[in-house]
Amino acid sequence: MSLEQTGGDTLTACLRHWAATTPDNAALTFADFTTDRDGRRRTLTWRQLAERVDAAAAALPVRPGDRVAVLCPQGADYVVGFLAAITAGAIAVPLFAPGLPGHAGRLAAVLADCAPTAVVTTTTAHAAVEAFADVPVVAVDCPGPARSWPAPEAAPDDVAYLQYTSGSTRSPAGVVLTHANVLANVRQAVRGLGLDRDAATTVSWLPLFHDMGLVLGLVTPLALGLRSVLMDPLAFIERPVRWLELLGDHAGAWSAAPNFAFHYCASRVSGADRARLRLGRVAAIVNGAEPINPDVLERFHTAFAAAGYRPEMTRPAYGLAEATVFVTTGPAVPPRVTTFDRDALSTGTARPAADGVRLVACGVPAGQHVALVDPDTAVALPDGSVGEIWVHGPNVGAGYWQKPLESKKTFGARLAGDHAGLPEGPWLRTGDLGVRHEGELHIAGRIKDLIIVDGRNHYPQDVEATAAAAHGALRPGSVAAFATEGADTESVVLVAEHRAHEDLSEQAERDLVTTIRRLVSDAHGLALREVLLVPAGRVPRTSSGKIARGACRDRYLAGDYGKVLAQ
């Protein structure tokens, strides 16, 4: 079988293929840490998975095109529920059970937006889900009698699922992804990453309702006939070494994680646990958080070098839900880091320098086009110029569910001027800023998060990194910088989580605030309007763990952070 060959042209065809050709091979293993500290392994073969999917699909009271919300806990039942929805001819909507802390409002908004005909969950979560949803609820681990069977065969251009983005906006947006979109992205990832189907296993703790978690933990192994090893995100948060142990248990393991997970492992895994790890057989860990922090990668590589982990195992990448998930990555070499002049970068030019902003190369596209474009004129920019990242390829979704105006604006862009070698359109406008340097994409930030003061651009993650370096008690990756309206120009506010905030004296807080102000002023020429030190957990994040700067700004403007010490 070639590297890019999948089991069929739809997700349901892939399941049928592997159940028929490799029925007794392991399809899915879930490491359950809720009842066993070492993680009790529960495995389904391809035949068992297909049988469970068929039983659950037959119990769903749906017609083709109906939406089925997946409100299962992480595990084998989630995979069964997702595939059952698609097998029944419906459109799956991967979500989460109502008990996920802090996300009940988002869940309610998404359910209102997609208007599901039915919900799939488990017997343990059934009561909570039934109280939350007002449509029929099917427990996939005890599905009941058949109601609607058989379903029509899916076609490649049929909608497979709606991937709701994890942003902080109040209005949810579900990306419409067809079977063809999703399988095209798997083939692109195989080509870009060099994934060897005959020797690979995927290992993931990422939530299956998140784009990266779904494609890594479910879609890719389904398409290629790989074994998927899953664990619950909470099990990772409780003891991050569990993820690394699972990676070491499986030769040729592939995984992915956002930037914070690399920091979390480097800082939370003890020396004794590191000594027991064996990571030399890991194939790769994809880091898809944008922009990637090079300091965090270096700490991770140093922390686990003795366990056999090598820098070239880390594969920086770029992607987004609107393009299924994967857009660019680089070869299996240590991550390439370039330092760019900060002043030049603020004016839209990437010029290498001895000191400035360090950006990690995220590689090149595979099977799709990427252009750096002036967001105001729609003109493609030359290499070395900072522009909005635009994407064109078979993996790009059809639009947002029932949002024609937003879909046209985001998915229907067209290039203006000279764009030799590139299609005129349609292009996906990502809202991300980047630059192509030495042929590789580097991520600079989000357009909506860009801070503009006195005509100069400042990238918030750059300001946040400077502030986080002020003191060891400030939590890296838990600092938010954002602009607010001032009298004559935008002013900048910074909110930072402090590990021991409750023990911080007023004088110590004032001193630390002064240090942060000085560092930011020296490095960026910015005078911060306010600096707020808050307890852990007060800086909001998206469901995928990214800093939600817009939500943080809203909390600040609403007065949720209380009275600020005189500064």
Protein backbone atom coordinates (compact mmCIF):
# COMPACT_ATOMS: atom_id res chain seq x y z
CA MET A 1 0.00 0.00 0.00
CA SER A 2 1.37 3.44 -0.92
CA LEU A 3 1.88 6.00 1.79
CA GLU A 4 -1.02 8.12 0.60
CA GLN A 5 -3.57 5.38 -0.05
CA THR A 6 -6.60 5.35 2.23
CA GLY A 7 -9.16 2.64 2.88
CA GLY A 8 -11.85 4.30 0.77
CA ASP A 9 -13.22 7.60 -0.52
CA THR A 10 -15.49 8.17 2.50
CA LEU A 11 -15.02 7.65 6.22
CA THR A 12 -17.68 4.92 6.24
CA ALA A 13 -15.98 3.15 3.33
CA CYS A 14 -12.71 3.21 5.26
CA LEU A 15 -14.34 1.55 8.27
CA ARG A 16 -15.89 -1.14 6.05
CA HIS A 17 -12.57 -1.74 4.32
CA TRP A 18 -10.52 -2.33 7.46
CA ALA A 19 -13.27 -4.40 9.10
CA ALA A 20 -13.24 -6.67 6.03
CA THR A 21 -9.50 -6.85 5.33
CA THR A 22 -7.96 -6.66 8.84
CA PRO A 23 -10.90 -7.61 11.10
CA ASP A 24 -8.81 -8.85 14.03
CA ASN A 25 -6.24 -6.06 14.07
CA ALA A 26 -6.45 -3.54 16.89
CA ALA A 27 -8.28 -0.43 15.76
CA LEU A 28 -8.58 1.51 18.99
CA THR A 29 -7.12 1.32 22.49
CA PHE A 30 -8.29 3.57 25.32
CA ALA A 31 -6.08 3.92 28.38
CA ASP A 32 -8.54 4.45 31.24
CA PHE A 33 -6.92 6.16 34.22
CA THR A 34 -10.16 6.74 36.14
CA THR A 35 -10.08 3.32 37.80
CA ASP A 36 -6.44 2.33 37.33
CA ARG A 37 -3.45 4.59 38.06
CA ASP A 38 -1.49 2.81 35.32
CA GLY A 39 -4.30 3.17 32.79
CA ARG A 40 -6.37 0.07 32.09
CA ARG A 41 -6.19 -0.67 28.36
CA ARG A 42 -9.46 -1.39 26.57
CA THR A 43 -9.10 -2.38 22.91
CA LEU A 44 -11.51 -2.79 20.00
CA THR A 45 -10.59 -4.61 16.79
CA TRP A 46 -11.78 -3.28 13.44
CA ARG A 47 -14.55 -5.90 13.38
CA GLN A 48 -15.71 -5.00 16.90
CA LEU A 49 -15.62 -1.31 16.13
CA ALA A 50 -17.70 -1.76 12.97
CA GLU A 51 -20.23 -3.92 14.81
CA ARG A 52 -20.66 -1.35 17.57
CA VAL A 53 -20.94 1.48 15.05
CA ASP A 54 -23.64 -0.36 13.08
CA ALA A 55 -25.65 -1.07 16.22
CA ALA A 56 -25.55 2.54 17.36
CA ALA A 57 -26.26 3.88 13.86
CA ALA A 58 -29.34 1.67 13.52
CA ALA A 59 -30.79 3.12 16.72
CA LEU A 60 -30.57 6.75 15.57
CA PRO A 61 -33.90 8.31 14.51
CA VAL A 62 -32.41 10.38 11.69
CA ARG A 63 -32.65 11.04 7.99
CA PRO A 64 -29.81 11.95 5.61
CA GLY A 65 -28.53 15.45 6.33
CA ASP A 66 -29.81 15.60 9.92
CA ARG A 67 -27.26 16.64 12.52
CA VAL A 68 -26.28 14.33 15.37
CA ALA A 69 -24.38 15.92 18.27
CA VAL A 70 -21.69 13.76 19.88
CA LEU A 71 -21.80 14.43 23.63
CA CYS A 72 -19.71 11.50 24.83
CA PRO A 73 -16.81 11.44 27.26
CA GLN A 74 -13.38 10.85 25.70
CA GLY A 75 -12.85 7.21 24.80
CA ALA A 76 -14.00 4.38 22.55
CA ASP A 77 -17.66 5.40 22.97
CA TYR A 78 -16.86 8.79 21.46
CA VAL A 79 -15.37 7.15 18.36
CA VAL A 80 -18.39 4.83 18.08
CA GLY A 81 -20.84 7.71 18.45
CA PHE A 82 -19.10 9.91 15.88
CA LEU A 83 -18.91 7.13 13.28
CA ALA A 84 -22.45 5.97 14.04
CA ALA A 85 -23.82 9.42 13.20
CA ILE A 86 -22.05 9.38 9.83
CA THR A 87 -22.96 5.75 9.13
CA ALA A 88 -26.63 6.56 9.73
CA GLY A 89 -26.42 9.17 6.96
CA ALA A 90 -26.42 12.13 9.34
CA ILE A 91 -23.88 14.92 9.83
CA ALA A 92 -21.81 14.41 12.98
CA VAL A 93 -21.18 17.36 15.28
CA PRO A 94 -18.26 16.50 17.61
CA LEU A 95 -18.84 18.23 20.94
CA PHE A 96 -18.49 17.27 24.60
CA ALA A 97 -20.58 16.16 27.56
CA PRO A 98 -22.26 18.96 29.58
CA GLY A 99 -19.95 18.43 32.54
CA LEU A 100 -16.89 20.05 30.90
CA PRO A 101 -16.10 22.93 33.30
CA GLY A 102 -16.63 26.43 31.97
CA HIS A 103 -18.08 25.42 28.60
CA ALA A 104 -21.82 24.96 29.21
CA GLY A 105 -22.61 28.27 27.51
CA ARG A 106 -20.62 27.36 24.43
CA LEU A 107 -22.26 23.93 24.25
CA ALA A 108 -25.73 25.45 24.42
CA ALA A 109 -24.84 27.98 21.70
CA VAL A 110 -23.47 25.30 19.36
CA LEU A 111 -26.51 23.06 19.85
CA ALA A 112 -28.77 26.00 19.03
CA ASP A 113 -26.72 26.72 15.91
CA CYS A 114 -26.59 23.20 14.47
CA ALA A 115 -30.10 22.14 15.63
CA PRO A 116 -29.42 18.42 16.00
CA THR A 117 -32.14 15.83 15.45
CA ALA A 118 -30.52 13.48 17.96
CA VAL A 119 -27.66 13.25 20.42
CA VAL A 120 -25.31 10.34 21.10
CA THR A 121 -23.76 9.86 24.53
CA THR A 122 -23.10 7.06 27.05
CA THR A 123 -25.22 5.46 29.77
CA THR A 124 -23.18 7.21 32.49
CA ALA A 125 -23.68 10.64 30.93
CA HIS A 126 -27.23 9.98 29.67
CA ALA A 127 -29.12 11.75 32.46
CA ALA A 128 -27.00 14.91 32.30
CA VAL A 129 -27.24 15.02 28.50
CA GLU A 130 -30.99 14.40 28.49
CA ALA A 131 -31.44 17.31 30.90
CA PHE A 132 -29.36 19.53 28.61
CA ALA A 133 -30.77 18.54 25.21
CA ASP A 134 -34.42 18.46 24.11
CA VAL A 135 -34.00 15.87 21.33
CA PRO A 136 -33.79 12.04 21.43
CA VAL A 137 -30.66 10.79 23.20
CA VAL A 138 -29.05 7.46 22.27
CA ALA A 139 -26.48 5.79 24.53
CA VAL A 140 -23.95 4.20 22.19
CA ASP A 141 -22.91 1.61 24.77
CA CYS A 142 -26.54 0.45 25.05
CA PRO A 143 -28.19 1.68 21.85
CA GLY A 144 -31.53 -0.11 21.95
CA PRO A 145 -33.56 -1.48 19.01
CA ALA A 146 -32.96 -0.51 15.39
CA ARG A 147 -35.05 2.42 14.14
CA SER A 148 -33.56 3.60 10.86
CA TRP A 149 -31.60 1.08 8.85
CA PRO A 150 -30.10 0.73 6.33
CA ALA A 151 -28.77 4.20 5.54
CA PRO A 152 -27.74 5.28 2.04
CA GLU A 153 -24.08 4.95 1.10
CA ALA A 154 -22.14 8.16 1.67
CA ALA A 155 -20.60 9.97 -1.30
CA PRO A 156 -17.26 11.85 -1.15
CA ASP A 157 -18.97 15.24 -1.48
CA ASP A 158 -21.47 14.54 1.32
CA VAL A 159 -20.94 16.51 4.51
CA ALA A 160 -19.25 14.27 7.09
CA TYR A 161 -19.19 16.60 10.09
CA LEU A 162 -19.32 20.16 11.38
CA GLN A 163 -16.15 21.24 13.17
CA TYR A 164 -17.00 24.10 15.48
CA THR A 165 -14.08 26.43 15.94
CA SER A 166 -12.65 26.89 19.41
CA GLY A 167 -12.40 30.67 19.28
CA SER A 168 -13.71 33.01 21.96
CA THR A 169 -16.43 34.69 19.90
CA ARG A 170 -19.96 34.47 21.26
CA SER A 171 -21.40 33.34 17.92
CA PRO A 172 -20.28 29.75 17.19
CA ALA A 173 -19.23 28.84 13.67
CA GLY A 174 -19.30 25.27 12.39
CA VAL A 175 -16.93 24.49 9.53
CA VAL A 176 -18.68 22.28 6.95
CA LEU A 177 -16.32 19.41 6.07
CA THR A 178 -17.05 16.75 3.47
CA HIS A 179 -15.60 13.25 3.31
CA ALA A 180 -13.45 14.46 0.41
CA ASN A 181 -12.10 17.43 2.42
CA VAL A 182 -11.12 15.25 5.35
CA LEU A 183 -9.49 12.42 3.40
CA ALA A 184 -7.63 14.91 1.23
CA ASN A 185 -6.16 16.41 4.39
CA VAL A 186 -5.07 12.98 5.62
CA ARG A 187 -3.24 12.39 2.33
CA GLN A 188 -1.64 15.83 2.58
CA ALA A 189 -0.48 15.15 6.15
CA VAL A 190 0.95 11.75 5.14
CA ARG A 191 2.90 13.40 2.34
CA GLY A 192 4.08 16.37 4.42
CA LEU A 193 5.01 14.43 7.54
CA GLY A 194 6.29 11.28 5.87
CA LEU A 195 4.04 9.09 8.00
CA ASP A 196 4.75 5.39 7.40
CA ARG A 197 1.43 3.54 7.53
CA ASP A 198 3.11 0.16 7.99
CA ALA A 199 4.93 1.23 11.17
CA ALA A 200 2.79 3.95 12.72
CA THR A 201 0.49 4.20 15.73
CA THR A 202 -1.25 7.41 16.76
CA VAL A 203 -1.21 8.36 20.45
CA SER A 204 -3.34 11.25 21.67
CA TRP A 205 -4.76 12.92 24.77
CA LEU A 206 -6.23 15.80 22.76
CA PRO A 207 -10.02 16.25 23.03
CA LEU A 208 -11.82 14.49 20.20
CA PHE A 209 -14.10 17.50 19.79
CA HIS A 210 -11.08 19.61 18.81
CA ASP A 211 -9.92 19.63 15.17
CA MET A 212 -6.40 18.37 15.86
CA GLY A 213 -7.60 15.76 18.33
CA LEU A 214 -10.28 14.45 15.97
CA VAL A 215 -8.03 14.16 12.93
CA LEU A 216 -5.08 12.68 14.86
CA GLY A 217 -6.99 10.37 17.17
CA LEU A 218 -9.85 9.23 14.92
CA VAL A 219 -9.82 10.29 11.27
CA THR A 220 -6.19 9.53 10.33
CA PRO A 221 -6.08 6.03 11.88
CA LEU A 222 -9.49 5.30 10.36
CA ALA A 223 -8.34 6.39 6.91
CA LEU A 224 -5.04 4.51 7.02
CA GLY A 225 -5.98 1.48 9.10
CA LEU A 226 -3.70 2.46 11.98
CA ARG A 227 -4.09 1.67 15.64
CA SER A 228 -5.26 4.68 17.65
CA VAL A 229 -4.27 4.94 21.31
CA LEU A 230 -6.35 7.46 23.27
CA MET A 231 -6.40 8.86 26.78
CA ASP A 232 -8.53 11.47 28.50
CA PRO A 233 -7.26 15.09 28.55
CA LEU A 234 -7.84 15.21 32.31
CA ALA A 235 -5.54 12.22 32.76
CA PHE A 236 -2.84 14.21 30.95
CA ILE A 237 -3.41 17.29 33.09
CA GLU A 238 -3.25 15.20 36.27
CA ARG A 239 -0.01 13.45 35.28
CA PRO A 240 1.51 14.52 31.93
CA VAL A 241 4.03 11.68 32.11
CA ARG A 242 1.19 9.32 31.18
CA TRP A 243 1.17 10.68 27.64
CA LEU A 244 4.92 10.22 27.32
CA GLU A 245 4.70 6.69 28.71
CA LEU A 246 2.10 5.78 26.08
CA LEU A 247 4.35 7.22 23.40
CA GLY A 248 7.22 5.07 24.64
CA ASP A 249 5.04 1.95 24.72
CA HIS A 250 4.35 2.05 20.98
CA ALA A 251 7.14 1.96 18.41
CA GLY A 252 6.61 4.48 15.61
CA ALA A 253 4.22 6.55 17.72
CA TRP A 254 2.84 9.76 16.21
CA SER A 255 1.25 12.44 18.33
CA ALA A 256 0.43 16.13 18.37
CA ALA A 257 0.06 18.77 21.03
CA PRO A 258 -0.21 22.53 21.44
CA ASN A 259 2.74 24.52 22.69
CA PHE A 260 1.57 24.57 26.32
CA ALA A 261 1.78 20.76 26.55
CA PHE A 262 5.50 20.84 25.80
CA HIS A 263 6.01 23.38 28.59
CA TYR A 264 3.72 21.45 30.92
CA CYS A 265 5.68 18.23 30.45
CA ALA A 266 9.07 19.91 30.84
CA SER A 267 8.01 21.57 34.09
CA ARG A 268 5.76 18.91 35.67
CA VAL A 269 7.39 15.54 34.91
CA SER A 270 9.73 14.64 37.78
CA GLY A 271 13.31 13.51 37.40
CA ALA A 272 12.38 10.04 38.65
CA ASP A 273 9.64 9.73 36.01
CA ARG A 274 11.96 11.03 33.30
CA ALA A 275 14.49 8.36 34.18
CA ARG A 276 11.93 5.64 33.43
CA LEU A 277 10.85 7.01 30.05
CA ARG A 278 11.97 5.43 26.79
CA LEU A 279 11.23 7.86 23.96
CA GLY A 280 13.79 6.76 21.39
CA ARG A 281 11.17 4.92 19.29
CA VAL A 282 8.83 7.90 18.94
CA ALA A 283 8.29 8.84 15.30
CA ALA A 284 7.19 12.45 15.84
CA ILE A 285 5.18 14.91 17.89
CA VAL A 286 3.55 17.62 15.81
CA ASN A 287 3.45 21.03 17.47
CA GLY A 288 0.58 22.88 15.86
CA ALA A 289 0.05 25.82 18.19
CA GLU A 290 0.71 29.11 16.47
CA PRO A 291 3.03 30.82 17.03
CA ILE A 292 5.31 28.18 18.53
CA ASN A 293 7.56 29.26 21.40
CA PRO A 294 11.17 28.25 20.61
CA ASP A 295 12.24 28.54 24.26
CA VAL A 296 9.58 26.01 25.25
CA LEU A 297 10.76 23.56 22.59
CA GLU A 298 14.35 23.87 23.77
CA ARG A 299 13.33 23.19 27.38
CA PHE A 300 11.34 20.14 26.30
CA HIS A 301 14.21 18.78 24.21
CA THR A 302 16.67 19.26 27.08
CA ALA A 303 14.32 17.74 29.65
CA PHE A 304 13.78 14.50 27.71
CA ALA A 305 17.07 14.07 25.88
CA ALA A 306 18.24 11.40 28.34
CA ALA A 307 15.03 9.46 27.61
CA GLY A 308 16.01 9.27 23.94
CA TYR A 309 13.92 12.14 22.61
CA ARG A 310 15.67 14.01 19.80
CA PRO A 311 14.86 17.53 18.54
CA GLU A 312 14.07 16.27 15.04
CA MET A 313 11.14 14.33 16.51
CA THR A 314 9.36 17.66 17.05
CA ARG A 315 7.57 18.71 13.88
CA PRO A 316 6.40 22.34 13.92
CA ALA A 317 3.26 22.76 11.82
CA TYR A 318 0.51 25.20 10.98
CA GLY A 319 -3.16 24.51 10.46
CA LEU A 320 -6.73 25.48 11.31
CA ALA A 321 -10.20 23.96 11.41
CA GLU A 322 -11.32 25.77 8.26
CA ALA A 323 -8.71 23.75 6.33
CA THR A 324 -9.71 20.52 8.18
CA VAL A 325 -6.57 20.92 10.32
CA PHE A 326 -3.25 20.48 8.48
CA VAL A 327 -1.67 23.11 6.21
CA THR A 328 2.14 23.14 6.50
CA THR A 329 4.99 21.26 8.15
CA GLY A 330 8.71 20.78 7.66
CA PRO A 331 11.11 17.84 7.30
CA ALA A 332 12.38 15.65 10.13
CA VAL A 333 15.15 18.01 11.26
CA PRO A 334 15.56 20.00 14.49
CA PRO A 335 13.12 22.95 14.50
CA ARG A 336 14.57 25.90 12.62
CA VAL A 337 14.44 29.19 14.50
CA THR A 338 15.15 32.60 12.97
CA THR A 339 15.53 35.89 14.84
CA PHE A 340 13.91 38.84 13.07
CA ASP A 341 14.44 42.52 13.71
CA ARG A 342 11.55 43.65 15.94
CA ASP A 343 11.22 47.16 14.44
CA ALA A 344 11.26 45.87 10.87
CA LEU A 345 8.71 43.20 11.72
CA SER A 346 6.41 45.84 13.18
CA THR A 347 6.39 47.60 9.79
CA GLY A 348 5.65 44.40 7.87
CA THR A 349 9.13 43.25 6.86
CA ALA A 350 10.93 40.17 8.15
CA ARG A 351 14.65 40.94 8.33
CA PRO A 352 16.98 38.52 10.14
CA ALA A 353 18.91 40.11 12.99
CA ALA A 354 21.17 39.21 15.89
CA ASP A 355 18.52 40.26 18.41
CA GLY A 356 14.76 40.56 18.17
CA VAL A 357 11.76 38.25 17.71
CA ARG A 358 12.46 34.52 17.43
CA LEU A 359 10.06 32.64 15.14
CA VAL A 360 9.92 28.91 14.42
CA ALA A 361 9.67 27.73 10.81
CA CYS A 362 6.44 25.79 10.20
CA GLY A 363 7.49 24.29 6.88
CA VAL A 364 5.73 24.21 3.53
CA PRO A 365 2.29 23.15 2.27
CA ALA A 366 1.68 19.68 0.84
CA GLY A 367 -1.03 19.27 -1.79
CA GLN A 368 -2.38 22.81 -1.29
CA HIS A 369 -1.41 26.42 -1.95
CA VAL A 370 -0.43 29.00 0.67
CA ALA A 371 -0.11 32.71 -0.16
CA LEU A 372 0.91 35.67 1.99
CA VAL A 373 -1.49 38.45 1.07
CA ASP A 374 -2.05 42.12 1.87
CA PRO A 375 -5.37 41.87 3.73
CA ASP A 376 -6.53 45.29 2.46
CA THR A 377 -5.65 45.00 -1.25
CA ALA A 378 -5.79 41.18 -1.74
CA VAL A 379 -2.43 41.36 -3.53
CA ALA A 380 0.01 38.48 -3.01
CA LEU A 381 3.18 39.65 -1.25
CA PRO A 382 6.77 38.62 -1.95
CA ASP A 383 8.81 36.49 0.42
CA GLY A 384 9.98 38.44 3.45
CA SER A 385 6.77 40.47 3.74
CA VAL A 386 4.31 39.97 6.57
CA GLY A 387 0.84 39.26 5.27
CA GLU A 388 -2.37 37.38 5.95
CA ILE A 389 -2.09 33.64 5.32
CA TRP A 390 -4.46 32.46 2.58
CA VAL A 391 -5.02 28.77 1.79
CA HIS A 392 -6.39 27.04 -1.32
CA GLY A 393 -6.81 23.28 -1.63
CA PRO A 394 -9.17 20.29 -1.57
CA ASN A 395 -8.97 20.19 2.24
CA VAL A 396 -10.58 23.61 2.68
CA GLY A 397 -14.11 23.38 4.04
CA ALA A 398 -17.23 24.40 2.15
CA GLY A 399 -18.00 27.28 4.54
CA TYR A 400 -19.65 27.87 7.90
CA TRP A 401 -22.90 26.09 8.67
CA GLN A 402 -25.84 28.30 7.63
CA LYS A 403 -23.72 31.47 7.59
CA PRO A 404 -23.57 32.49 3.92
CA LEU A 405 -22.21 36.00 4.45
CA GLU A 406 -19.43 34.91 6.80
CA SER A 407 -18.69 31.96 4.52
CA LYS A 408 -18.27 34.15 1.45
CA LYS A 409 -16.01 36.56 3.33
CA THR A 410 -13.80 33.83 4.80
CA PHE A 411 -13.88 31.06 2.18
CA GLY A 412 -14.49 33.02 -1.03
CA ALA A 413 -11.53 35.39 -1.24
CA ARG A 414 -9.90 36.10 -4.60
CA LEU A 415 -6.42 37.39 -5.36
CA ALA A 416 -5.99 40.72 -7.12
CA GLY A 417 -3.10 41.93 -9.25
CA ASP A 418 -0.29 39.68 -10.45
CA HIS A 419 -0.51 36.23 -8.90
CA ALA A 420 1.47 34.12 -11.37
CA GLY A 421 1.53 30.45 -10.43
CA LEU A 422 -1.32 30.80 -7.97
CA PRO A 423 -5.05 30.27 -8.56
CA GLU A 424 -7.21 33.37 -8.48
CA GLY A 425 -9.58 31.72 -6.03
CA PRO A 426 -11.46 30.83 -4.06
CA TRP A 427 -9.09 31.26 -1.12
CA LEU A 428 -9.56 30.74 2.59
CA ARG A 429 -8.70 33.84 4.60
CA THR A 430 -7.23 32.49 7.84
CA GLY A 431 -7.00 35.72 9.82
CA ASP A 432 -3.44 34.70 10.74
CA LEU A 433 -0.37 36.77 9.96
CA GLY A 434 2.76 35.12 8.65
CA VAL A 435 5.86 35.49 6.54
CA ARG A 436 7.68 33.18 4.16
CA HIS A 437 11.42 33.12 4.88
CA GLU A 438 13.84 30.80 3.08
CA GLY A 439 10.85 29.01 1.62
CA GLU A 440 9.16 28.19 4.94
CA LEU A 441 6.12 29.68 6.64
CA HIS A 442 6.60 31.51 9.94
CA ILE A 443 3.57 32.52 12.02
CA ALA A 444 3.47 36.05 13.43
CA GLY A 445 0.04 36.12 15.12
CA ARG A 446 -3.64 36.88 14.58
CA ILE A 447 -4.88 39.96 12.75
CA LYS A 448 -7.65 40.51 15.30
CA ASP A 449 -5.13 40.35 18.17
CA LEU A 450 -2.60 42.71 16.59
CA ILE A 451 -1.82 45.70 18.81
CA ILE A 452 -1.38 48.96 16.90
CA VAL A 453 -0.02 51.91 18.88
CA ASP A 454 1.19 55.13 17.24
CA GLY A 455 1.20 53.44 13.84
CA ARG A 456 3.42 50.54 14.91
CA ASN A 457 2.36 46.91 14.98
CA HIS A 458 3.05 44.84 18.09
CA TYR A 459 2.43 41.11 18.25
CA PRO A 460 0.76 40.26 21.57
CA GLN A 461 2.56 36.95 22.08
CA ASP A 462 5.87 38.82 21.82
CA VAL A 463 4.81 41.29 24.52
CA GLU A 464 3.47 38.43 26.65
CA ALA A 465 6.77 36.53 26.45
CA THR A 466 8.67 39.60 27.60
CA ALA A 467 6.33 40.06 30.56
CA ALA A 468 6.45 36.38 31.54
CA ALA A 469 10.24 36.61 31.83
CA ALA A 470 9.93 39.20 34.62
CA HIS A 471 9.57 36.63 37.41
CA GLY A 472 9.57 32.85 37.83
CA ALA A 473 6.16 32.95 39.55
CA LEU A 474 4.45 34.24 36.42
CA ARG A 475 2.93 31.33 34.55
CA PRO A 476 4.34 31.00 31.00
CA GLY A 477 1.53 30.76 28.48
CA SER A 478 -0.86 32.38 30.96
CA VAL A 479 -0.30 36.04 30.10
CA ALA A 480 -2.63 38.06 27.87
CA ALA A 481 -1.84 41.39 26.23
CA PHE A 482 -4.54 43.31 24.39
CA ALA A 483 -5.42 46.79 23.20
CA THR A 484 -8.20 49.00 24.50
CA GLU A 485 -9.40 52.37 23.26
CA GLY A 486 -7.47 55.30 24.74
CA ALA A 487 -8.05 59.03 24.51
CA ASP A 488 -6.11 59.48 21.28
CA THR A 489 -4.74 56.05 20.42
CA GLU A 490 -4.97 52.44 21.49
CA SER A 491 -3.49 51.62 24.87
CA VAL A 492 -2.28 48.25 26.07
CA VAL A 493 -3.39 46.22 29.07
CA LEU A 494 -1.60 43.11 30.31
CA VAL A 495 -3.14 40.40 32.52
CA ALA A 496 -0.78 37.79 34.00
CA GLU A 497 -1.43 34.77 36.19
CA HIS A 498 0.77 34.55 39.30
CA ARG A 499 1.33 31.11 40.85
CA ALA A 500 1.21 32.44 44.43
CA HIS A 501 -1.05 35.43 44.00
CA GLU A 502 -2.86 34.95 47.32
CA ASP A 503 0.47 35.22 49.17
CA LEU A 504 1.67 38.28 47.26
CA SER A 505 2.01 41.45 49.34
CA GLU A 506 0.90 44.79 47.90
CA GLN A 507 4.49 46.01 47.82
CA ALA A 508 5.74 42.88 46.10
CA GLU A 509 2.94 43.21 43.55
CA ARG A 510 3.83 46.85 42.87
CA ASP A 511 7.50 45.94 42.45
CA LEU A 512 6.70 43.16 39.99
CA VAL A 513 4.35 45.39 38.02
CA THR A 514 7.12 48.00 37.80
CA THR A 515 9.54 45.37 36.50
CA ILE A 516 7.06 44.21 33.86
CA ARG A 517 6.45 47.77 32.71
CA ARG A 518 10.19 48.42 32.41
CA LEU A 519 10.90 45.23 30.46
CA VAL A 520 8.04 45.83 28.02
CA SER A 521 9.03 49.46 27.57
CA ASP A 522 12.67 48.59 26.91
CA ALA A 523 11.93 45.75 24.50
CA HIS A 524 8.90 47.10 22.65
CA GLY A 525 8.70 50.83 23.29
CA LEU A 526 5.27 50.33 24.81
CA ALA A 527 3.88 52.08 27.86
CA LEU A 528 1.38 49.67 29.41
CA ARG A 529 -1.85 51.29 30.56
CA GLU A 530 -2.44 48.67 33.26
CA VAL A 531 -0.78 45.49 34.49
CA LEU A 532 -3.01 43.09 36.40
CA LEU A 533 -1.65 40.15 38.36
CA VAL A 534 -4.36 37.54 38.93
CA PRO A 535 -4.62 34.05 40.45
CA ALA A 536 -4.11 30.93 38.35
CA GLY A 537 -7.04 30.16 36.08
CA ARG A 538 -8.23 33.75 35.63
CA VAL A 539 -6.86 34.24 32.11
CA PRO A 540 -9.49 32.69 29.81
CA ARG A 541 -8.61 30.09 27.21
CA THR A 542 -10.34 28.52 24.25
CA SER A 543 -11.41 24.87 24.42
CA SER A 544 -8.10 23.99 22.73
CA GLY A 545 -6.02 25.73 25.39
CA LYS A 546 -5.08 28.91 23.55
CA ILE A 547 -5.17 32.31 25.25
CA ALA A 548 -8.54 33.93 24.50
CA ARG A 549 -7.40 37.55 24.34
CA GLY A 550 -10.77 38.86 23.21
CA ALA A 551 -12.53 37.19 26.14
CA CYS A 552 -9.85 38.54 28.48
CA ARG A 553 -10.45 42.05 27.13
CA ASP A 554 -14.19 41.61 27.68
CA ARG A 555 -13.61 40.55 31.29
CA TYR A 556 -11.34 43.52 31.85
CA LEU A 557 -13.84 46.00 30.40
CA ALA A 558 -16.62 44.42 32.46
CA GLY A 559 -14.61 44.97 35.63
CA ASP A 560 -14.27 41.25 36.36
CA TYR A 561 -10.68 41.67 37.52
CA GLY A 562 -11.67 44.08 40.27
CA LYS A 563 -9.76 47.04 41.56
CA VAL A 564 -6.18 47.43 40.40
CA LEU A 565 -3.47 48.57 42.78
CA ALA A 566 -2.33 52.11 42.20
CA GLN A 567 0.34 51.91 39.54
